[in-house]
Amino acid sequence: MLARRGMSARVSSLAALIVSFLSIAMRSLSLIVRERSDACGAAPEARRRHAMVRTMVRSQQHSLLTIAGLAREAGVSVETIRYYQRRDLMDTPERPTGDNRSGVVRRYGEADVRKLRFIRSAQRAGFTLEQIKELIGLDAKGDRSRVLALAQGRIAALSVKIVELEEARSALNALARECAEGSCGPCPILAAFDRGLSRSTPADG
C-alpha cells in the first residue's frame, strides 16, 4: 500500500513537471513567433530606408564628380566631354568659391551624368550633334511631334545607308570571288578601288 502511494506521488510529481515544462515551452514558442512576425512586418520598412540611404549616397557621390569621374560614369573620355562642352551640348560648371572650394576643381552632378548618357545614346541611334542639341531642347519643352519628325528623318536616312552598304557588300563579295578564282594579272579588288568601287563590277575587267 505504501509502495503504491509512493509510486502515485512520483507519477503526480512527474506529471506536474511535464506540465510545467510544456507551459514554459509554449510561452517561449509564442514569443519566438511574435518576434518573427514583428521582424517580417518591419523588414519592408527597413529595406525601404536602406534603399533611400543608398540613393542619397549615390546622389551625393554624383554631386562631387570631377570631370574624370563623370567620364568614368558614362564610359567616355575626358576630351569627349570637353568637346561636347565646346559644342554647347553640355554646360561647363563654375569653379567652387568661398572657404570650402574642394580643391578649386569643377564638380558635376547627376544631371550631367544623365545628359552625357542621353547624348551617347542619341549618337548610337544615328543622330548628329546638331540634331542632339535640338533634342535636348525638345526634351525640356516636351515637344513630342518634333522629336517624332526627327526620328522619322533618321529612319529614312538609315534606310538609304543600309541600301548603300548592301550594294557595297555585294560588289565586294563579287570582287573577292573573282580574286580567289585567279592568281594572274592585277588584283581585281585593288583595280576596282582604283576605278571606284561603286562604278565597278567583275564584268568590267
C-alpha atoms as a PDB file:
ATOM      1  CA  MET A   1       0.000   0.000   0.000  1.00  0.00           C
ATOM      2  CA  LEU A   2       2.797   2.390   0.887  1.00  0.00           C
ATOM      3  CA  ALA A   3       4.618   1.450  -2.316  1.00  0.00           C
ATOM      4  CA  ARG A   4       1.569   2.299  -4.327  1.00  0.00           C
ATOM      5  CA  ARG A   5       1.238   5.649  -2.601  1.00  0.00           C
ATOM      6  CA  GLY A   6       4.919   6.404  -3.243  1.00  0.00           C
ATOM      7  CA  MET A   7       4.547   5.450  -6.895  1.00  0.00           C
ATOM      8  CA  SER A   8       1.438   7.610  -7.222  1.00  0.00           C
ATOM      9  CA  ALA A   9       3.272  10.554  -5.667  1.00  0.00           C
ATOM     10  CA  ARG A  10       6.205  10.172  -8.049  1.00  0.00           C
ATOM     11  CA  VAL A  11       3.837   9.942 -11.020  1.00  0.00           C
ATOM     12  CA  SER A  12       1.984  13.069  -9.878  1.00  0.00           C
ATOM     13  CA  SER A  13       5.259  14.914  -9.416  1.00  0.00           C
ATOM     14  CA  LEU A  14       6.494  13.832 -12.842  1.00  0.00           C
ATOM     15  CA  ALA A  15       3.205  14.868 -14.448  1.00  0.00           C
ATOM     16  CA  ALA A  16       3.401  18.265 -12.785  1.00  0.00           C
ATOM     17  CA  LEU A  17       6.964  18.674 -14.040  1.00  0.00           C
ATOM     18  CA  ILE A  18       5.948  17.756 -17.579  1.00  0.00           C
ATOM     19  CA  VAL A  19       3.019  20.208 -17.499  1.00  0.00           C
ATOM     20  CA  SER A  20       5.309  22.952 -16.221  1.00  0.00           C
ATOM     21  CA  PHE A  21       7.862  22.210 -18.950  1.00  0.00           C
ATOM     22  CA  LEU A  22       5.215  22.230 -21.670  1.00  0.00           C
ATOM     23  CA  SER A  23       3.834  25.526 -20.365  1.00  0.00           C
ATOM     24  CA  ILE A  24       7.270  27.140 -20.490  1.00  0.00           C
ATOM     25  CA  ALA A  25       7.892  25.725 -23.974  1.00  0.00           C
ATOM     26  CA  MET A  26       4.579  27.073 -25.257  1.00  0.00           C
ATOM     27  CA  ARG A  27       5.301  30.548 -23.867  1.00  0.00           C
ATOM     28  CA  SER A  28       8.768  30.500 -25.464  1.00  0.00           C
ATOM     29  CA  LEU A  29       7.370  29.374 -28.798  1.00  0.00           C
ATOM     30  CA  SER A  30       4.700  32.084 -28.709  1.00  0.00           C
ATOM     31  CA  LEU A  31       7.376  34.692 -28.004  1.00  0.00           C
ATOM     32  CA  ILE A  32       9.515  33.469 -30.920  1.00  0.00           C
ATOM     33  CA  VAL A  33       6.558  33.519 -33.309  1.00  0.00           C
ATOM     34  CA  ARG A  34       5.601  37.045 -32.204  1.00  0.00           C
ATOM     35  CA  GLU A  35       9.191  38.293 -32.624  1.00  0.00           C
ATOM     36  CA  ARG A  36       9.461  36.807 -36.104  1.00  0.00           C
ATOM     37  CA  SER A  37       6.114  38.290 -37.071  1.00  0.00           C
ATOM     38  CA  ASP A  38       7.244  41.707 -35.888  1.00  0.00           C
ATOM     39  CA  ALA A  39      10.523  41.318 -37.786  1.00  0.00           C
ATOM     40  CA  CYS A  40       8.732  40.358 -41.004  1.00  0.00           C
ATOM     41  CA  GLY A  41       6.463  43.361 -40.676  1.00  0.00           C
ATOM     42  CA  ALA A  42       9.424  45.666 -40.111  1.00  0.00           C
ATOM     43  CA  ALA A  43      11.552  44.197 -42.944  1.00  0.00           C
ATOM     44  CA  PRO A  44       9.895  46.097 -45.846  1.00  0.00           C
ATOM     45  CA  GLU A  45      10.253  49.375 -43.958  1.00  0.00           C
ATOM     46  CA  ALA A  46      13.889  48.613 -43.151  1.00  0.00           C
ATOM     47  CA  ARG A  47      14.593  47.753 -46.796  1.00  0.00           C
ATOM     48  CA  ARG A  48      12.894  50.953 -47.923  1.00  0.00           C
ATOM     49  CA  ARG A  49      15.004  53.052 -45.542  1.00  0.00           C
ATOM     50  CA  HIS A  50      18.152  51.242 -46.663  1.00  0.00           C
ATOM     51  CA  ALA A  51      17.302  51.902 -50.304  1.00  0.00           C
ATOM     52  CA  MET A  52      16.739  55.589 -49.526  1.00  0.00           C
ATOM     53  CA  VAL A  53      20.139  55.788 -47.852  1.00  0.00           C
ATOM     54  CA  ARG A  54      21.824  54.149 -50.852  1.00  0.00           C
ATOM     55  CA  THR A  55      20.085  56.582 -53.213  1.00  0.00           C
ATOM     56  CA  MET A  56      21.169  59.560 -51.103  1.00  0.00           C
ATOM     57  CA  VAL A  57      24.759  58.301 -51.009  1.00  0.00           C
ATOM     58  CA  ARG A  58      24.841  57.798 -54.790  1.00  0.00           C
ATOM     59  CA  SER A  59      23.337  61.246 -55.319  1.00  0.00           C
ATOM     60  CA  GLN A  60      25.951  62.825 -53.065  1.00  0.00           C
ATOM     61  CA  GLN A  61      28.709  60.934 -54.860  1.00  0.00           C
ATOM     62  CA  HIS A  62      27.447  62.134 -58.244  1.00  0.00           C
ATOM     63  CA  SER A  63      27.284  65.715 -56.972  1.00  0.00           C
ATOM     64  CA  LEU A  64      31.007  65.524 -56.204  1.00  0.00           C
ATOM     65  CA  LEU A  65      32.202  64.107 -59.518  1.00  0.00           C
ATOM     66  CA  THR A  66      35.221  65.620 -61.195  1.00  0.00           C
ATOM     67  CA  ILE A  67      35.333  65.625 -64.979  1.00  0.00           C
ATOM     68  CA  ALA A  68      37.377  62.405 -64.804  1.00  0.00           C
ATOM     69  CA  GLY A  69      34.749  60.830 -62.555  1.00  0.00           C
ATOM     70  CA  LEU A  70      31.997  61.939 -64.928  1.00  0.00           C
ATOM     71  CA  ALA A  71      33.889  60.353 -67.820  1.00  0.00           C
ATOM     72  CA  ARG A  72      34.143  57.062 -65.916  1.00  0.00           C
ATOM     73  CA  GLU A  73      30.431  57.098 -65.067  1.00  0.00           C
ATOM     74  CA  ALA A  74      29.455  57.491 -68.730  1.00  0.00           C
ATOM     75  CA  GLY A  75      32.239  55.399 -70.259  1.00  0.00           C
ATOM     76  CA  VAL A  76      33.746  58.204 -72.343  1.00  0.00           C
ATOM     77  CA  SER A  77      36.995  60.136 -72.353  1.00  0.00           C
ATOM     78  CA  VAL A  78      37.556  63.495 -70.708  1.00  0.00           C
ATOM     79  CA  GLU A  79      38.281  65.003 -74.119  1.00  0.00           C
ATOM     80  CA  THR A  80      34.883  63.807 -75.357  1.00  0.00           C
ATOM     81  CA  ILE A  81      33.176  65.717 -72.548  1.00  0.00           C
ATOM     82  CA  ARG A  82      35.185  68.836 -73.299  1.00  0.00           C
ATOM     83  CA  TYR A  83      34.293  68.525 -76.980  1.00  0.00           C
ATOM     84  CA  TYR A  84      30.600  68.354 -76.076  1.00  0.00           C
ATOM     85  CA  GLN A  85      31.064  71.435 -73.925  1.00  0.00           C
ATOM     86  CA  ARG A  86      32.668  73.298 -76.826  1.00  0.00           C
ATOM     87  CA  ARG A  87      29.680  72.294 -78.983  1.00  0.00           C
ATOM     88  CA  ASP A  88      27.304  73.658 -76.297  1.00  0.00           C
ATOM     89  CA  LEU A  89      25.820  70.226 -75.676  1.00  0.00           C
ATOM     90  CA  MET A  90      26.930  70.240 -72.032  1.00  0.00           C
ATOM     91  CA  ASP A  91      27.416  73.041 -69.541  1.00  0.00           C
ATOM     92  CA  THR A  92      30.789  73.850 -68.003  1.00  0.00           C
ATOM     93  CA  PRO A  93      30.212  74.332 -64.256  1.00  0.00           C
ATOM     94  CA  GLU A  94      31.786  77.224 -62.406  1.00  0.00           C
ATOM     95  CA  ARG A  95      34.724  76.562 -60.129  1.00  0.00           C
ATOM     96  CA  PRO A  96      33.807  76.490 -56.412  1.00  0.00           C
ATOM     97  CA  THR A  97      34.155  79.739 -54.476  1.00  0.00           C
ATOM     98  CA  GLY A  98      34.279  80.547 -50.773  1.00  0.00           C
ATOM     99  CA  ASP A  99      36.052  78.789 -47.929  1.00  0.00           C
ATOM    100  CA  ASN A 100      35.122  75.229 -48.957  1.00  0.00           C
ATOM    101  CA  ARG A 101      36.420  75.256 -52.518  1.00  0.00           C
ATOM    102  CA  SER A 102      37.046  71.484 -52.908  1.00  0.00           C
ATOM    103  CA  GLY A 103      40.463  71.994 -54.392  1.00  0.00           C
ATOM    104  CA  VAL A 104      39.138  74.581 -56.891  1.00  0.00           C
ATOM    105  CA  VAL A 105      38.019  71.733 -59.171  1.00  0.00           C
ATOM    106  CA  ARG A 106      34.809  71.878 -61.203  1.00  0.00           C
ATOM    107  CA  ARG A 107      32.216  69.405 -59.958  1.00  0.00           C
ATOM    108  CA  TYR A 108      29.489  67.578 -61.855  1.00  0.00           C
ATOM    109  CA  GLY A 109      26.213  66.105 -60.643  1.00  0.00           C
ATOM    110  CA  GLU A 110      23.572  63.524 -61.505  1.00  0.00           C
ATOM    111  CA  ALA A 111      22.023  65.779 -64.158  1.00  0.00           C
ATOM    112  CA  ASP A 112      25.352  65.906 -66.010  1.00  0.00           C
ATOM    113  CA  VAL A 113      25.620  62.116 -65.919  1.00  0.00           C
ATOM    114  CA  ARG A 114      22.112  61.770 -67.375  1.00  0.00           C
ATOM    115  CA  LYS A 115      22.751  64.340 -70.108  1.00  0.00           C
ATOM    116  CA  LEU A 116      26.007  62.675 -71.133  1.00  0.00           C
ATOM    117  CA  ARG A 117      24.292  59.292 -71.378  1.00  0.00           C
ATOM    118  CA  PHE A 118      21.488  60.914 -73.360  1.00  0.00           C
ATOM    119  CA  ILE A 119      23.989  62.303 -75.873  1.00  0.00           C
ATOM    120  CA  ARG A 120      25.771  58.967 -76.278  1.00  0.00           C
ATOM    121  CA  SER A 121      22.501  57.075 -76.757  1.00  0.00           C
ATOM    122  CA  ALA A 122      21.304  59.552 -79.380  1.00  0.00           C
ATOM    123  CA  GLN A 123      24.618  59.274 -81.213  1.00  0.00           C
ATOM    124  CA  ARG A 124      24.306  55.486 -81.307  1.00  0.00           C
ATOM    125  CA  ALA A 125      20.857  55.962 -82.838  1.00  0.00           C
ATOM    126  CA  GLY A 126      22.488  57.895 -85.671  1.00  0.00           C
ATOM    127  CA  PHE A 127      21.639  61.488 -84.742  1.00  0.00           C
ATOM    128  CA  THR A 128      24.143  64.212 -85.500  1.00  0.00           C
ATOM    129  CA  LEU A 129      25.403  66.523 -82.758  1.00  0.00           C
ATOM    130  CA  GLU A 130      23.293  69.369 -84.104  1.00  0.00           C
ATOM    131  CA  GLN A 131      20.213  67.166 -84.003  1.00  0.00           C
ATOM    132  CA  ILE A 132      21.108  66.021 -80.495  1.00  0.00           C
ATOM    133  CA  LYS A 133      21.385  69.636 -79.400  1.00  0.00           C
ATOM    134  CA  GLU A 134      17.863  70.184 -80.705  1.00  0.00           C
ATOM    135  CA  LEU A 135      16.653  67.005 -78.994  1.00  0.00           C
ATOM    136  CA  ILE A 136      17.988  68.251 -75.656  1.00  0.00           C
ATOM    137  CA  GLY A 137      15.955  71.444 -76.087  1.00  0.00           C
ATOM    138  CA  LEU A 138      12.892  69.450 -77.129  1.00  0.00           C
ATOM    139  CA  ASP A 139      13.250  67.239 -74.069  1.00  0.00           C
ATOM    140  CA  ALA A 140      12.888  70.326 -71.885  1.00  0.00           C
ATOM    141  CA  LYS A 141       9.852  71.516 -73.871  1.00  0.00           C
ATOM    142  CA  GLY A 142       8.154  68.128 -74.225  1.00  0.00           C
ATOM    143  CA  ASP A 143       7.640  68.654 -77.982  1.00  0.00           C
ATOM    144  CA  ARG A 144       6.944  65.051 -78.997  1.00  0.00           C
ATOM    145  CA  SER A 145       5.811  65.866 -82.535  1.00  0.00           C
ATOM    146  CA  ARG A 146       9.170  67.428 -83.418  1.00  0.00           C
ATOM    147  CA  VAL A 147      11.034  64.531 -81.800  1.00  0.00           C
ATOM    148  CA  LEU A 148       8.977  62.118 -83.893  1.00  0.00           C
ATOM    149  CA  ALA A 149       9.772  64.085 -87.066  1.00  0.00           C
ATOM    150  CA  LEU A 150      13.492  63.958 -86.303  1.00  0.00           C
ATOM    151  CA  ALA A 151      13.298  60.225 -85.592  1.00  0.00           C
ATOM    152  CA  GLN A 152      11.452  59.555 -88.842  1.00  0.00           C
ATOM    153  CA  GLY A 153      14.078  61.549 -90.726  1.00  0.00           C
ATOM    154  CA  ARG A 154      16.830  59.446 -89.162  1.00  0.00           C
ATOM    155  CA  ILE A 155      14.962  56.235 -90.076  1.00  0.00           C
ATOM    156  CA  ALA A 156      14.761  57.352 -93.706  1.00  0.00           C
ATOM    157  CA  ALA A 157      18.460  58.271 -93.770  1.00  0.00           C
ATOM    158  CA  LEU A 158      19.412  54.949 -92.188  1.00  0.00           C
ATOM    159  CA  SER A 159      17.320  53.076 -94.751  1.00  0.00           C
ATOM    160  CA  VAL A 160      19.259  54.763 -97.558  1.00  0.00           C
ATOM    161  CA  LYS A 161      22.534  53.969 -95.823  1.00  0.00           C
ATOM    162  CA  ILE A 162      21.554  50.337 -95.426  1.00  0.00           C
ATOM    163  CA  VAL A 163      20.858  50.056 -99.159  1.00  0.00           C
ATOM    164  CA  GLU A 164      24.249  51.623 -99.940  1.00  0.00           C
ATOM    165  CA  LEU A 165      26.031  49.266 -97.552  1.00  0.00           C
ATOM    166  CA  GLU A 166      24.276  46.227 -99.009  1.00  0.00           C
ATOM    167  CA  GLU A 167      25.280  47.290-102.528  1.00  0.00           C
ATOM    168  CA  ALA A 168      28.885  47.780-101.384  1.00  0.00           C
ATOM    169  CA  ARG A 169      28.887  44.362 -99.719  1.00  0.00           C
ATOM    170  CA  SER A 170      27.527  42.680-102.847  1.00  0.00           C
ATOM    171  CA  ALA A 171      30.160  44.351-105.037  1.00  0.00           C
ATOM    172  CA  LEU A 172      32.952  43.476-102.631  1.00  0.00           C
ATOM    173  CA  ASN A 173      31.774  39.859-102.376  1.00  0.00           C
ATOM    174  CA  ALA A 174      31.844  39.555-106.166  1.00  0.00           C
ATOM    175  CA  LEU A 175      35.347  41.058-106.331  1.00  0.00           C
ATOM    176  CA  ALA A 176      36.538  38.722-103.569  1.00  0.00           C
ATOM    177  CA  ARG A 177      35.264  35.700-105.518  1.00  0.00           C
ATOM    178  CA  GLU A 178      36.992  36.919-108.677  1.00  0.00           C
ATOM    179  CA  CYS A 179      40.215  37.478-106.759  1.00  0.00           C
ATOM    180  CA  ALA A 180      40.054  33.972-105.281  1.00  0.00           C
ATOM    181  CA  GLU A 181      39.453  32.332-108.688  1.00  0.00           C
ATOM    182  CA  GLY A 182      42.575  33.710-110.397  1.00  0.00           C
ATOM    183  CA  SER A 183      46.169  34.346-109.445  1.00  0.00           C
ATOM    184  CA  CYS A 184      47.498  36.149-112.552  1.00  0.00           C
ATOM    185  CA  GLY A 185      47.270  39.797-113.503  1.00  0.00           C
ATOM    186  CA  PRO A 186      46.355  42.751-111.332  1.00  0.00           C
ATOM    187  CA  CYS A 187      44.232  42.191-108.236  1.00  0.00           C
ATOM    188  CA  PRO A 188      40.589  42.860-109.177  1.00  0.00           C
ATOM    189  CA  ILE A 189      39.861  44.324-105.736  1.00  0.00           C
ATOM    190  CA  LEU A 190      42.657  46.904-105.967  1.00  0.00           C
ATOM    191  CA  ALA A 191      41.761  47.640-109.592  1.00  0.00           C
ATOM    192  CA  ALA A 192      38.143  48.236-108.583  1.00  0.00           C
ATOM    193  CA  PHE A 193      39.219  50.620-105.844  1.00  0.00           C
ATOM    194  CA  ASP A 194      41.350  52.465-108.371  1.00  0.00           C
ATOM    195  CA  ARG A 195      38.356  52.855-110.697  1.00  0.00           C
ATOM    196  CA  GLY A 196      35.864  53.462-107.928  1.00  0.00           C
ATOM    197  CA  LEU A 197      34.061  50.546-106.300  1.00  0.00           C
ATOM    198  CA  SER A 198      30.560  51.940-106.783  1.00  0.00           C
ATOM    199  CA  ARG A 199      31.070  52.029-110.584  1.00  0.00           C
ATOM    200  CA  SER A 200      32.874  48.705-110.944  1.00  0.00           C
ATOM    201  CA  THR A 201      31.710  45.131-111.324  1.00  0.00           C
ATOM    202  CA  PRO A 202      33.636  41.951-112.006  1.00  0.00           C
ATOM    203  CA  ALA A 203      32.434  42.091-115.623  1.00  0.00           C
ATOM    204  CA  ASP A 204      34.258  45.394-116.121  1.00  0.00           C
ATOM    205  CA  GLY A 205      37.623  43.659-116.040  1.00  0.00           C
END
